[in-house]
Structure formats: C-alpha cells, structure tokens
C-alpha cells in the first residue's frame, strides 16, 4: 500500500489533480441534487475536466459557474406580442369609456325621475285657446232674435274660433260647478260645462279647462245679459264685498267680489289661471249694445 503523503510533500501537478478531483466530486453531487429536484437538464455527458477540450455542463441554477446563452428573439413573435398588448390596452380603454358612459346615463335617469316625482310649481300663464271672451252676440231685434257676433272676431282668427267650437265637453264629475247664486242681484241659475252658443242657452257656462270651484286657479263663468234669461244683466250693480256662491255636487263655495272692469271682447287675459281660488264672471255690455264685456273678479272667502 502506498504511503499517504502529506500536502507538503505533493508536487504542483499532484496538487492540481487533487483539486480537480475534489471540485469534480462536489460538482457531481450538486448536479445530482439539481437533477432530482428538476432544476437542471443534462445536455452533455460528464466530461473530463483534465482535458483541455472539455466543456462545462450548462447549469441553470443560481450560482452556477456557467450562464445560458441568450436565444435571439423571433421578430414575428415580437410583433404579435406588441399587437396583443395594443389590443389589451384598447379593450381596457373601451371598458372604462363604457363604465363612464353608464354612470352618466344613470345619473341623467335619476335626475329625470327626481324631476318627475317633484314637479316645480307651474307659473300661471294666460289661456291661449280663447280668441275672444265668451257670450258675445248681436243685440236682439224686436222679436228677440240674436246670433253670435262674428264681427268682433279678427278675420284671421275666425277659423280658430270655428275649430274651438268642437272641443268636447268633459264628463260630469263631483267637483264640477252645478249651480250659482248671487244674492245681491237675485241670480240663481244652473251651471253647465262649456260656454259655447248652445251651452249658454241653458244657463251659466263654465269655460272648459278653467279650475273647479274651491281650488287654486280661475273658475271662469259667463252668461248672457239680454237673451236666454238675461242671467248676468245686472253684473254692473255688484260692489266689492258682495257674495257669489258656487255649488258642486258635494258642497258650496262662497266668493267675495273684489272688483269690476269693462274690457274689449279680445281681452282674453282676464281668463288666465290664478295662483289662488278665484271666480271670474263675464257678460256682454252694455245692455242691448254688447260691444264690450263686463268682468267681475271675486276671491274665495277664507
């Protein structure tokens, strides 16, 4: 058996070989460990490190003595990657735009719902359907014959007046006026819906679309002064403080005369809606002449 030499007794060549063997053993143990754990693939058989033609095994583990050679990028793959990245960016931008648009649409719908549930108080506006004030007619002749006075209607508005005559009369309702009393001038007459020529033959007519008695708004009533009962002949005798009593099927409403005015037949603004309960009485004036209108305003008694 050869005697084991001390390191001091070894030559340089023997020390080099011993170091190579030791490094080879350590490397084999490390590669074996990596193979068991799947961290490295052997691409060449173990080579003799003593041979100058030997090449190291490619080791992908951290701290390996050799590094893998960089694989050149495929231009086509690089283009596809950029294209896919652009598509993804556009998709994200589109999704954000859809979300923002949806939020804006939802807010708009919410505002519309709130506006519908909480309508603002309407501002009174003049009635535009009327061209002239109701009850206009020619003075009766000796036999009492009369007819609607079309001469007081502007010629260019005459077709409108003729079309308004066909407005349907509303069906009966409990809140509609059915009777009127004016104690100061001995008036006690029925009230009908509509103030056309045929309706005013039956009594006092309420302008279609005007407010029901007792409610906020203007209840517009008209009647003749010299034909068909002469119901409103003495409106000019009313003074502030006189009572006007309007009945519905349910109750009565007492109005107090406020003022009386004389106007032209085209002064339809006196029929405009009001913000508080008001009754307006209209008739031709003066008696047997009928070229003007007398208008009496009264407010609901508190």
C-alpha atoms as a PDB file:
ATOM      1  CA  UNK A   1       0.000   0.000   0.000  1.00  0.00           C
ATOM      2  CA  UNK A   2       1.332   3.391  -0.981  1.00  0.00           C
ATOM      3  CA  UNK A   3       2.081   5.692   1.873  1.00  0.00           C
ATOM      4  CA  UNK A   4      -0.303   8.615   2.192  1.00  0.00           C
ATOM      5  CA  UNK A   5       1.588  11.788   1.520  1.00  0.00           C
ATOM      6  CA  UNK A   6       1.197  14.990   3.385  1.00  0.00           C
ATOM      7  CA  UNK A   7       0.129  18.058   1.392  1.00  0.00           C
ATOM      8  CA  UNK A   8       3.631  19.487   1.856  1.00  0.00           C
ATOM      9  CA  UNK A   9       5.124  16.527   0.094  1.00  0.00           C
ATOM     10  CA  UNK A  10       2.881  16.778  -3.015  1.00  0.00           C
ATOM     11  CA  UNK A  11       4.126  18.325  -6.206  1.00  0.00           C
ATOM     12  CA  UNK A  12       2.301  21.119  -8.002  1.00  0.00           C
ATOM     13  CA  UNK A  13       0.892  18.703 -10.595  1.00  0.00           C
ATOM     14  CA  UNK A  14      -0.356  16.341  -7.886  1.00  0.00           C
ATOM     15  CA  UNK A  15      -1.996  19.223  -6.006  1.00  0.00           C
ATOM     16  CA  UNK A  16      -3.716  20.411  -9.201  1.00  0.00           C
ATOM     17  CA  UNK A  17      -5.091  16.923  -9.919  1.00  0.00           C
ATOM     18  CA  UNK A  18      -6.287  16.558  -6.322  1.00  0.00           C
ATOM     19  CA  UNK A  19      -8.058  19.918  -6.501  1.00  0.00           C
ATOM     20  CA  UNK A  20      -9.669  18.984  -9.819  1.00  0.00           C
ATOM     21  CA  UNK A  21     -10.916  15.693  -8.400  1.00  0.00           C
ATOM     22  CA  UNK A  22     -12.335  17.426  -5.372  1.00  0.00           C
ATOM     23  CA  UNK A  23     -14.117  20.026  -7.497  1.00  0.00           C
ATOM     24  CA  UNK A  24     -15.434  17.315  -9.824  1.00  0.00           C
ATOM     25  CA  UNK A  25     -16.901  15.355  -6.912  1.00  0.00           C
ATOM     26  CA  UNK A  26     -18.544  18.469  -5.461  1.00  0.00           C
ATOM     27  CA  UNK A  27     -19.931  19.412  -8.853  1.00  0.00           C
ATOM     28  CA  UNK A  28     -21.344  15.944  -9.473  1.00  0.00           C
ATOM     29  CA  UNK A  29     -23.091  15.990  -6.116  1.00  0.00           C
ATOM     30  CA  UNK A  30     -24.605  19.399  -6.882  1.00  0.00           C
ATOM     31  CA  UNK A  31     -25.744  18.351 -10.387  1.00  0.00           C
ATOM     32  CA  UNK A  32     -27.230  15.154  -8.996  1.00  0.00           C
ATOM     33  CA  UNK A  33     -29.188  17.192  -6.477  1.00  0.00           C
ATOM     34  CA  UNK A  34     -30.460  19.504  -9.217  1.00  0.00           C
ATOM     35  CA  UNK A  35     -31.497  16.547 -11.402  1.00  0.00           C
ATOM     36  CA  UNK A  36     -33.518  15.057  -8.559  1.00  0.00           C
ATOM     37  CA  UNK A  37     -35.292  18.328  -7.996  1.00  0.00           C
ATOM     38  CA  UNK A  38     -35.817  19.005 -11.722  1.00  0.00           C
ATOM     39  CA  UNK A  39     -33.831  22.240 -11.773  1.00  0.00           C
ATOM     40  CA  UNK A  40     -31.319  21.194 -14.438  1.00  0.00           C
ATOM     41  CA  UNK A  41     -31.259  19.091 -17.581  1.00  0.00           C
ATOM     42  CA  UNK A  42     -28.091  17.336 -18.633  1.00  0.00           C
ATOM     43  CA  UNK A  43     -27.303  18.342 -22.204  1.00  0.00           C
ATOM     44  CA  UNK A  44     -23.937  16.540 -22.437  1.00  0.00           C
ATOM     45  CA  UNK A  45     -22.219  13.616 -20.732  1.00  0.00           C
ATOM     46  CA  UNK A  46     -19.792  14.223 -17.919  1.00  0.00           C
ATOM     47  CA  UNK A  47     -16.559  15.421 -19.392  1.00  0.00           C
ATOM     48  CA  UNK A  48     -13.062  15.089 -18.218  1.00  0.00           C
ATOM     49  CA  UNK A  49     -12.067  18.368 -16.619  1.00  0.00           C
ATOM     50  CA  UNK A  50      -8.436  17.401 -17.072  1.00  0.00           C
ATOM     51  CA  UNK A  51      -8.848  17.509 -20.820  1.00  0.00           C
ATOM     52  CA  UNK A  52      -8.325  20.931 -22.349  1.00  0.00           C
ATOM     53  CA  UNK A  53     -11.174  20.174 -24.853  1.00  0.00           C
ATOM     54  CA  UNK A  54     -13.695  19.570 -22.091  1.00  0.00           C
ATOM     55  CA  UNK A  55     -16.696  21.941 -21.866  1.00  0.00           C
ATOM     56  CA  UNK A  56     -18.768  22.723 -18.780  1.00  0.00           C
ATOM     57  CA  UNK A  57     -22.299  21.443 -18.350  1.00  0.00           C
ATOM     58  CA  UNK A  58     -24.973  24.154 -18.694  1.00  0.00           C
ATOM     59  CA  UNK A  59     -26.325  24.817 -15.215  1.00  0.00           C
ATOM     60  CA  UNK A  60     -29.422  26.976 -14.830  1.00  0.00           C
ATOM     61  CA  UNK A  61     -29.237  27.063 -11.050  1.00  0.00           C
ATOM     62  CA  UNK A  62     -28.261  30.184  -9.181  1.00  0.00           C
ATOM     63  CA  UNK A  63     -24.552  30.411  -8.596  1.00  0.00           C
ATOM     64  CA  UNK A  64     -23.635  28.063 -11.458  1.00  0.00           C
ATOM     65  CA  UNK A  65     -20.214  28.538 -12.954  1.00  0.00           C
ATOM     66  CA  UNK A  66     -21.605  28.928 -16.498  1.00  0.00           C
ATOM     67  CA  UNK A  67     -24.524  31.043 -17.808  1.00  0.00           C
ATOM     68  CA  UNK A  68     -27.017  30.101 -20.586  1.00  0.00           C
ATOM     69  CA  UNK A  69     -26.539  31.615 -23.959  1.00  0.00           C
ATOM     70  CA  UNK A  70     -29.274  34.217 -24.883  1.00  0.00           C
ATOM     71  CA  UNK A  71     -31.734  32.969 -27.517  1.00  0.00           C
ATOM     72  CA  UNK A  72     -32.332  35.543 -30.252  1.00  0.00           C
ATOM     73  CA  UNK A  73     -35.920  36.935 -30.268  1.00  0.00           C
ATOM     74  CA  UNK A  74     -38.214  35.930 -33.117  1.00  0.00           C
ATOM     75  CA  UNK A  75     -39.313  39.151 -34.958  1.00  0.00           C
ATOM     76  CA  UNK A  76     -42.732  37.683 -35.761  1.00  0.00           C
ATOM     77  CA  UNK A  77     -43.336  36.712 -32.153  1.00  0.00           C
ATOM     78  CA  UNK A  78     -42.227  40.148 -31.037  1.00  0.00           C
ATOM     79  CA  UNK A  79     -44.715  41.791 -33.432  1.00  0.00           C
ATOM     80  CA  UNK A  80     -47.562  39.565 -32.208  1.00  0.00           C
ATOM     81  CA  UNK A  81     -46.736  40.380 -28.586  1.00  0.00           C
ATOM     82  CA  UNK A  82     -46.906  44.103 -29.323  1.00  0.00           C
ATOM     83  CA  UNK A  83     -50.155  43.650 -31.247  1.00  0.00           C
ATOM     84  CA  UNK A  84     -51.756  41.748 -28.378  1.00  0.00           C
ATOM     85  CA  UNK A  85     -50.586  44.401 -25.925  1.00  0.00           C
ATOM     86  CA  UNK A  86     -52.200  47.111 -28.071  1.00  0.00           C
ATOM     87  CA  UNK A  87     -55.469  45.150 -28.249  1.00  0.00           C
ATOM     88  CA  UNK A  88     -55.474  44.749 -24.469  1.00  0.00           C
ATOM     89  CA  UNK A  89     -54.893  48.473 -23.961  1.00  0.00           C
ATOM     90  CA  UNK A  90     -57.745  49.350 -26.354  1.00  0.00           C
ATOM     91  CA  UNK A  91     -60.033  46.893 -24.579  1.00  0.00           C
ATOM     92  CA  UNK A  92     -59.271  48.458 -21.203  1.00  0.00           C
ATOM     93  CA  UNK A  93     -59.847  51.974 -22.577  1.00  0.00           C
ATOM     94  CA  UNK A  94     -63.151  50.873 -24.143  1.00  0.00           C
ATOM     95  CA  UNK A  95     -64.296  49.279 -20.892  1.00  0.00           C
ATOM     96  CA  UNK A  96     -63.511  52.455 -18.953  1.00  0.00           C
ATOM     97  CA  UNK A  97     -65.437  54.536 -21.534  1.00  0.00           C
ATOM     98  CA  UNK A  98     -68.467  52.217 -21.264  1.00  0.00           C
ATOM     99  CA  UNK A  99     -68.424  52.444 -17.464  1.00  0.00           C
ATOM    100  CA  UNK A 100     -68.197  56.247 -17.510  1.00  0.00           C
ATOM    101  CA  UNK A 101     -70.994  56.482 -20.080  1.00  0.00           C
ATOM    102  CA  UNK A 102     -73.153  54.148 -17.994  1.00  0.00           C
ATOM    103  CA  UNK A 103     -72.583  56.234 -14.874  1.00  0.00           C
ATOM    104  CA  UNK A 104     -73.529  59.415 -16.747  1.00  0.00           C
ATOM    105  CA  UNK A 105     -76.664  57.803 -18.187  1.00  0.00           C
ATOM    106  CA  UNK A 106     -77.694  56.526 -14.758  1.00  0.00           C
ATOM    107  CA  UNK A 107     -77.255  59.980 -13.268  1.00  0.00           C
ATOM    108  CA  UNK A 108     -79.359  61.521 -16.037  1.00  0.00           C
ATOM    109  CA  UNK A 109     -82.138  58.980 -15.473  1.00  0.00           C
ATOM    110  CA  UNK A 110     -82.040  59.633 -11.721  1.00  0.00           C
ATOM    111  CA  UNK A 111     -82.370  63.379 -12.305  1.00  0.00           C
ATOM    112  CA  UNK A 112     -85.332  62.821 -14.618  1.00  0.00           C
ATOM    113  CA  UNK A 113     -87.041  60.587 -12.054  1.00  0.00           C
ATOM    114  CA  UNK A 114     -86.480  63.170  -9.310  1.00  0.00           C
ATOM    115  CA  UNK A 115     -87.866  65.915 -11.544  1.00  0.00           C
ATOM    116  CA  UNK A 116     -90.919  63.791 -12.343  1.00  0.00           C
ATOM    117  CA  UNK A 117     -91.563  62.981  -8.673  1.00  0.00           C
ATOM    118  CA  UNK A 118     -91.023  66.583  -7.543  1.00  0.00           C
ATOM    119  CA  UNK A 119     -92.525  68.822 -10.233  1.00  0.00           C
ATOM    120  CA  UNK A 120     -91.953  72.515  -9.761  1.00  0.00           C
ATOM    121  CA  UNK A 121     -94.916  74.788  -9.135  1.00  0.00           C
ATOM    122  CA  UNK A 122     -96.218  75.884 -12.552  1.00  0.00           C
ATOM    123  CA  UNK A 123     -96.232  79.578 -13.270  1.00  0.00           C
ATOM    124  CA  UNK A 124     -99.699  80.863 -14.218  1.00  0.00           C
ATOM    125  CA  UNK A 125     -99.849  81.566 -17.947  1.00  0.00           C
ATOM    126  CA  UNK A 126    -102.616  83.173 -19.988  1.00  0.00           C
ATOM    127  CA  UNK A 127    -105.066  80.879 -21.745  1.00  0.00           C
ATOM    128  CA  UNK A 128    -104.206  80.766 -25.444  1.00  0.00           C
ATOM    129  CA  UNK A 129    -107.171  78.738 -26.665  1.00  0.00           C
ATOM    130  CA  UNK A 130    -109.584  81.674 -26.388  1.00  0.00           C
ATOM    131  CA  UNK A 131    -109.654  84.286 -29.144  1.00  0.00           C
ATOM    132  CA  UNK A 132    -112.477  86.438 -27.778  1.00  0.00           C
ATOM    133  CA  UNK A 133    -114.306  86.430 -24.482  1.00  0.00           C
ATOM    134  CA  UNK A 134    -117.425  84.217 -24.312  1.00  0.00           C
ATOM    135  CA  UNK A 135    -121.112  85.228 -24.546  1.00  0.00           C
ATOM    136  CA  UNK A 136    -120.622  87.583 -27.498  1.00  0.00           C
ATOM    137  CA  UNK A 137    -123.769  88.083 -29.607  1.00  0.00           C
ATOM    138  CA  UNK A 138    -125.600  90.669 -31.663  1.00  0.00           C
ATOM    139  CA  UNK A 139    -128.239  92.790 -29.908  1.00  0.00           C
ATOM    140  CA  UNK A 140    -131.661  91.108 -30.146  1.00  0.00           C
ATOM    141  CA  UNK A 141    -134.136  92.530 -32.634  1.00  0.00           C
ATOM    142  CA  UNK A 142    -137.772  93.384 -31.917  1.00  0.00           C
ATOM    143  CA  UNK A 143    -138.711  89.710 -31.965  1.00  0.00           C
ATOM    144  CA  UNK A 144    -135.792  88.834 -29.629  1.00  0.00           C
ATOM    145  CA  UNK A 145    -133.745  87.095 -32.312  1.00  0.00           C
ATOM    146  CA  UNK A 146    -129.965  87.175 -31.978  1.00  0.00           C
ATOM    147  CA  UNK A 147    -126.896  85.323 -33.204  1.00  0.00           C
ATOM    148  CA  UNK A 148    -123.170  85.000 -32.377  1.00  0.00           C
ATOM    149  CA  UNK A 149    -121.324  88.208 -33.185  1.00  0.00           C
ATOM    150  CA  UNK A 150    -118.554  87.110 -35.566  1.00  0.00           C
ATOM    151  CA  UNK A 151    -117.750  90.729 -36.392  1.00  0.00           C
ATOM    152  CA  UNK A 152    -115.872  91.116 -33.112  1.00  0.00           C
ATOM    153  CA  UNK A 153    -113.542  88.222 -34.049  1.00  0.00           C
ATOM    154  CA  UNK A 154    -110.398  89.180 -36.028  1.00  0.00           C
ATOM    155  CA  UNK A 155    -110.790  87.741 -39.510  1.00  0.00           C
ATOM    156  CA  UNK A 156    -107.504  85.836 -39.458  1.00  0.00           C
ATOM    157  CA  UNK A 157    -108.558  84.110 -36.210  1.00  0.00           C
ATOM    158  CA  UNK A 158    -112.050  83.152 -37.324  1.00  0.00           C
ATOM    159  CA  UNK A 159    -111.046  79.593 -38.425  1.00  0.00           C
ATOM    160  CA  UNK A 160    -109.555  79.006 -34.989  1.00  0.00           C
ATOM    161  CA  UNK A 161    -112.785  80.048 -33.275  1.00  0.00           C
ATOM    162  CA  UNK A 162    -114.759  77.702 -35.503  1.00  0.00           C
ATOM    163  CA  UNK A 163    -112.438  74.801 -34.650  1.00  0.00           C
ATOM    164  CA  UNK A 164    -112.605  75.549 -30.920  1.00  0.00           C
ATOM    165  CA  UNK A 165    -116.360  75.154 -31.065  1.00  0.00           C
ATOM    166  CA  UNK A 166    -115.821  71.385 -31.490  1.00  0.00           C
ATOM    167  CA  UNK A 167    -113.942  70.929 -28.193  1.00  0.00           C
ATOM    168  CA  UNK A 168    -115.640  68.021 -26.366  1.00  0.00           C
ATOM    169  CA  UNK A 169    -117.492  68.789 -23.155  1.00  0.00           C
ATOM    170  CA  UNK A 170    -115.942  66.995 -20.146  1.00  0.00           C
ATOM    171  CA  UNK A 171    -117.958  64.246 -18.476  1.00  0.00           C
ATOM    172  CA  UNK A 172    -119.745  65.045 -15.235  1.00  0.00           C
ATOM    173  CA  UNK A 173    -117.629  64.989 -12.070  1.00  0.00           C
ATOM    174  CA  UNK A 174    -118.413  65.637  -8.380  1.00  0.00           C
ATOM    175  CA  UNK A 175    -116.127  68.701  -8.258  1.00  0.00           C
ATOM    176  CA  UNK A 176    -117.717  70.498 -11.218  1.00  0.00           C
ATOM    177  CA  UNK A 177    -119.882  73.588 -10.700  1.00  0.00           C
ATOM    178  CA  UNK A 178    -123.597  72.825 -10.998  1.00  0.00           C
ATOM    179  CA  UNK A 179    -125.261  75.981  -9.698  1.00  0.00           C
ATOM    180  CA  UNK A 180    -124.553  79.654  -8.964  1.00  0.00           C
ATOM    181  CA  UNK A 181    -126.292  82.143  -6.673  1.00  0.00           C
ATOM    182  CA  UNK A 182    -125.644  85.894  -6.439  1.00  0.00           C
ATOM    183  CA  UNK A 183    -127.965  87.210  -3.723  1.00  0.00           C
ATOM    184  CA  UNK A 184    -127.262  90.916  -4.380  1.00  0.00           C
ATOM    185  CA  UNK A 185    -128.769  90.727  -7.918  1.00  0.00           C
ATOM    186  CA  UNK A 186    -131.195  87.793  -7.400  1.00  0.00           C
ATOM    187  CA  UNK A 187    -129.298  85.286  -9.565  1.00  0.00           C
ATOM    188  CA  UNK A 188    -129.994  81.577  -9.055  1.00  0.00           C
ATOM    189  CA  UNK A 189    -129.113  79.556 -12.167  1.00  0.00           C
ATOM    190  CA  UNK A 190    -127.680  76.206 -13.257  1.00  0.00           C
ATOM    191  CA  UNK A 191    -124.068  75.921 -14.408  1.00  0.00           C
ATOM    192  CA  UNK A 192    -123.156  73.804 -17.421  1.00  0.00           C
ATOM    193  CA  UNK A 193    -119.750  72.789 -18.783  1.00  0.00           C
ATOM    194  CA  UNK A 194    -118.716  74.800 -21.827  1.00  0.00           C
ATOM    195  CA  UNK A 195    -119.526  78.380 -22.833  1.00  0.00           C
ATOM    196  CA  UNK A 196    -120.435  77.927 -26.477  1.00  0.00           C
ATOM    197  CA  UNK A 197    -123.558  79.281 -28.109  1.00  0.00           C
ATOM    198  CA  UNK A 198    -125.681  76.212 -27.331  1.00  0.00           C
ATOM    199  CA  UNK A 199    -124.446  75.833 -23.736  1.00  0.00           C
ATOM    200  CA  UNK A 200    -125.265  79.463 -22.853  1.00  0.00           C
ATOM    201  CA  UNK A 201    -128.883  78.869 -23.904  1.00  0.00           C
ATOM    202  CA  UNK A 202    -129.167  76.518 -20.907  1.00  0.00           C
ATOM    203  CA  UNK A 203    -127.700  78.742 -18.194  1.00  0.00           C
ATOM    204  CA  UNK A 204    -124.303  79.875 -16.949  1.00  0.00           C
ATOM    205  CA  UNK A 205    -121.400  78.239 -18.794  1.00  0.00           C
ATOM    206  CA  UNK A 206    -118.013  77.325 -17.286  1.00  0.00           C
ATOM    207  CA  UNK A 207    -115.050  77.765 -19.589  1.00  0.00           C
ATOM    208  CA  UNK A 208    -113.617  74.324 -20.396  1.00  0.00           C
ATOM    209  CA  UNK A 209    -110.222  73.965 -18.757  1.00  0.00           C
ATOM    210  CA  UNK A 210    -110.783  76.519 -16.010  1.00  0.00           C
ATOM    211  CA  UNK A 211    -110.368  75.478 -12.381  1.00  0.00           C
ATOM    212  CA  UNK A 212    -113.082  73.621 -10.447  1.00  0.00           C
ATOM    213  CA  UNK A 213    -114.687  75.692  -7.656  1.00  0.00           C
ATOM    214  CA  UNK A 214    -112.700  75.976  -4.434  1.00  0.00           C
ATOM    215  CA  UNK A 215    -109.338  75.044  -5.958  1.00  0.00           C
ATOM    216  CA  UNK A 216    -106.350  77.220  -6.768  1.00  0.00           C
ATOM    217  CA  UNK A 217    -106.974  78.742 -10.166  1.00  0.00           C
ATOM    218  CA  UNK A 218    -109.551  80.760 -12.033  1.00  0.00           C
ATOM    219  CA  UNK A 219    -113.141  79.465 -12.322  1.00  0.00           C
ATOM    220  CA  UNK A 220    -114.452  81.312 -15.415  1.00  0.00           C
ATOM    221  CA  UNK A 221    -118.265  81.610 -15.687  1.00  0.00           C
ATOM    222  CA  UNK A 222    -120.211  83.501 -18.335  1.00  0.00           C
ATOM    223  CA  UNK A 223    -123.854  84.125 -19.283  1.00  0.00           C
ATOM    224  CA  UNK A 224    -125.951  86.424 -21.475  1.00  0.00           C
ATOM    225  CA  UNK A 225    -127.248  89.788 -20.327  1.00  0.00           C
ATOM    226  CA  UNK A 226    -130.211  90.392 -22.650  1.00  0.00           C
ATOM    227  CA  UNK A 227    -131.262  86.986 -24.063  1.00  0.00           C
ATOM    228  CA  UNK A 228    -131.870  83.465 -22.755  1.00  0.00           C
ATOM    229  CA  UNK A 229    -132.958  84.519 -19.304  1.00  0.00           C
ATOM    230  CA  UNK A 230    -130.742  87.636 -19.008  1.00  0.00           C
ATOM    231  CA  UNK A 231    -128.944  85.872 -16.134  1.00  0.00           C
ATOM    232  CA  UNK A 232    -125.999  88.307 -15.923  1.00  0.00           C
ATOM    233  CA  UNK A 233    -127.944  91.503 -16.805  1.00  0.00           C
ATOM    234  CA  UNK A 234    -127.097  93.283 -13.547  1.00  0.00           C
ATOM    235  CA  UNK A 235    -123.441  92.409 -13.053  1.00  0.00           C
ATOM    236  CA  UNK A 236    -122.689  96.133 -13.089  1.00  0.00           C
ATOM    237  CA  UNK A 237    -124.594  96.503  -9.804  1.00  0.00           C
ATOM    238  CA  UNK A 238    -122.203  94.266  -7.881  1.00  0.00           C
ATOM    239  CA  UNK A 239    -119.870  96.037  -5.469  1.00  0.00           C
ATOM    240  CA  UNK A 240    -116.837  94.810  -3.515  1.00  0.00           C
ATOM    241  CA  UNK A 241    -117.968  92.624  -0.613  1.00  0.00           C
ATOM    242  CA  UNK A 242    -120.983  91.049  -2.372  1.00  0.00           C
ATOM    243  CA  UNK A 243    -121.208  87.266  -2.256  1.00  0.00           C
ATOM    244  CA  UNK A 244    -121.076  84.813  -5.156  1.00  0.00           C
ATOM    245  CA  UNK A 245    -121.992  81.255  -4.134  1.00  0.00           C
ATOM    246  CA  UNK A 246    -120.940  78.403  -6.416  1.00  0.00           C
ATOM    247  CA  UNK A 247    -122.245  74.874  -5.778  1.00  0.00           C
ATOM    248  CA  UNK A 248    -120.854  71.471  -6.690  1.00  0.00           C
ATOM    249  CA  UNK A 249    -122.465  68.076  -6.050  1.00  0.00           C
ATOM    250  CA  UNK A 250    -120.522  67.895  -2.789  1.00  0.00           C
ATOM    251  CA  UNK A 251    -120.512  71.386  -1.228  1.00  0.00           C
ATOM    252  CA  UNK A 252    -120.770  75.136  -1.756  1.00  0.00           C
ATOM    253  CA  UNK A 253    -118.043  77.766  -2.080  1.00  0.00           C
ATOM    254  CA  UNK A 254    -118.528  81.422  -1.170  1.00  0.00           C
ATOM    255  CA  UNK A 255    -116.580  84.037  -3.089  1.00  0.00           C
ATOM    256  CA  UNK A 256    -116.362  87.756  -2.252  1.00  0.00           C
ATOM    257  CA  UNK A 257    -116.499  90.331  -5.052  1.00  0.00           C
ATOM    258  CA  UNK A 258    -113.203  92.169  -5.377  1.00  0.00           C
ATOM    259  CA  UNK A 259    -113.576  94.451  -8.418  1.00  0.00           C
ATOM    260  CA  UNK A 260    -115.398  95.027 -11.722  1.00  0.00           C
ATOM    261  CA  UNK A 261    -113.862  96.127 -15.037  1.00  0.00           C
ATOM    262  CA  UNK A 262    -115.004  96.847 -18.614  1.00  0.00           C
ATOM    263  CA  UNK A 263    -112.829  95.398 -21.378  1.00  0.00           C
ATOM    264  CA  UNK A 264    -112.792  94.796 -25.120  1.00  0.00           C
ATOM    265  CA  UNK A 265    -114.042  91.401 -26.419  1.00  0.00           C
ATOM    266  CA  UNK A 266    -110.461  90.339 -27.215  1.00  0.00           C
ATOM    267  CA  UNK A 267    -109.141  90.868 -23.644  1.00  0.00           C
ATOM    268  CA  UNK A 268    -108.801  87.118 -23.033  1.00  0.00           C
ATOM    269  CA  UNK A 269    -106.133  87.697 -20.376  1.00  0.00           C
ATOM    270  CA  UNK A 270    -108.903  88.077 -17.778  1.00  0.00           C
ATOM    271  CA  UNK A 271    -109.409  84.294 -18.139  1.00  0.00           C
ATOM    272  CA  UNK A 272    -105.810  83.485 -17.244  1.00  0.00           C
ATOM    273  CA  UNK A 273    -105.163  80.996 -14.393  1.00  0.00           C
ATOM    274  CA  UNK A 274    -104.526  82.441 -10.926  1.00  0.00           C
ATOM    275  CA  UNK A 275    -102.414  81.232  -8.014  1.00  0.00           C
ATOM    276  CA  UNK A 276    -105.342  81.357  -5.541  1.00  0.00           C
ATOM    277  CA  UNK A 277    -109.023  80.313  -5.771  1.00  0.00           C
ATOM    278  CA  UNK A 278    -110.799  82.919  -7.911  1.00  0.00           C
ATOM    279  CA  UNK A 279    -114.106  83.153  -9.785  1.00  0.00           C
ATOM    280  CA  UNK A 280    -114.496  85.419 -12.830  1.00  0.00           C
ATOM    281  CA  UNK A 281    -117.937  86.366 -14.197  1.00  0.00           C
ATOM    282  CA  UNK A 282    -118.196  87.574 -17.827  1.00  0.00           C
ATOM    283  CA  UNK A 283    -121.084  89.002 -19.844  1.00  0.00           C
ATOM    284  CA  UNK A 284    -121.722  91.356 -22.757  1.00  0.00           C
ATOM    285  CA  UNK A 285    -122.068  95.079 -22.025  1.00  0.00           C
ATOM    286  CA  UNK A 286    -123.819  97.459 -22.170  1.00  0.00           C
ATOM    287  CA  UNK A 287    -127.358  96.192 -22.215  1.00  0.00           C
ATOM    288  CA  UNK A 288    -128.756  95.763 -25.769  1.00  0.00           C
ATOM    289  CA  UNK A 289    -125.490  97.119 -27.288  1.00  0.00           C
ATOM    290  CA  UNK A 290    -122.976  94.372 -26.461  1.00  0.00           C
ATOM    291  CA  UNK A 291    -119.823  95.850 -27.957  1.00  0.00           C
ATOM    292  CA  UNK A 292    -117.824  95.355 -24.747  1.00  0.00           C
ATOM    293  CA  UNK A 293    -117.563  92.874 -21.861  1.00  0.00           C
ATOM    294  CA  UNK A 294    -118.157  93.392 -18.176  1.00  0.00           C
ATOM    295  CA  UNK A 295    -115.898  91.273 -15.957  1.00  0.00           C
ATOM    296  CA  UNK A 296    -116.342  90.712 -12.209  1.00  0.00           C
ATOM    297  CA  UNK A 297    -113.494  89.232 -10.145  1.00  0.00           C
ATOM    298  CA  UNK A 298    -114.128  87.545  -6.791  1.00  0.00           C
ATOM    299  CA  UNK A 299    -111.865  85.677  -4.345  1.00  0.00           C
ATOM    300  CA  UNK A 300    -112.701  82.641  -2.197  1.00  0.00           C
ATOM    301  CA  UNK A 301    -113.872  83.549   1.297  1.00  0.00           C
ATOM    302  CA  UNK A 302    -111.388  82.420   3.987  1.00  0.00           C
END
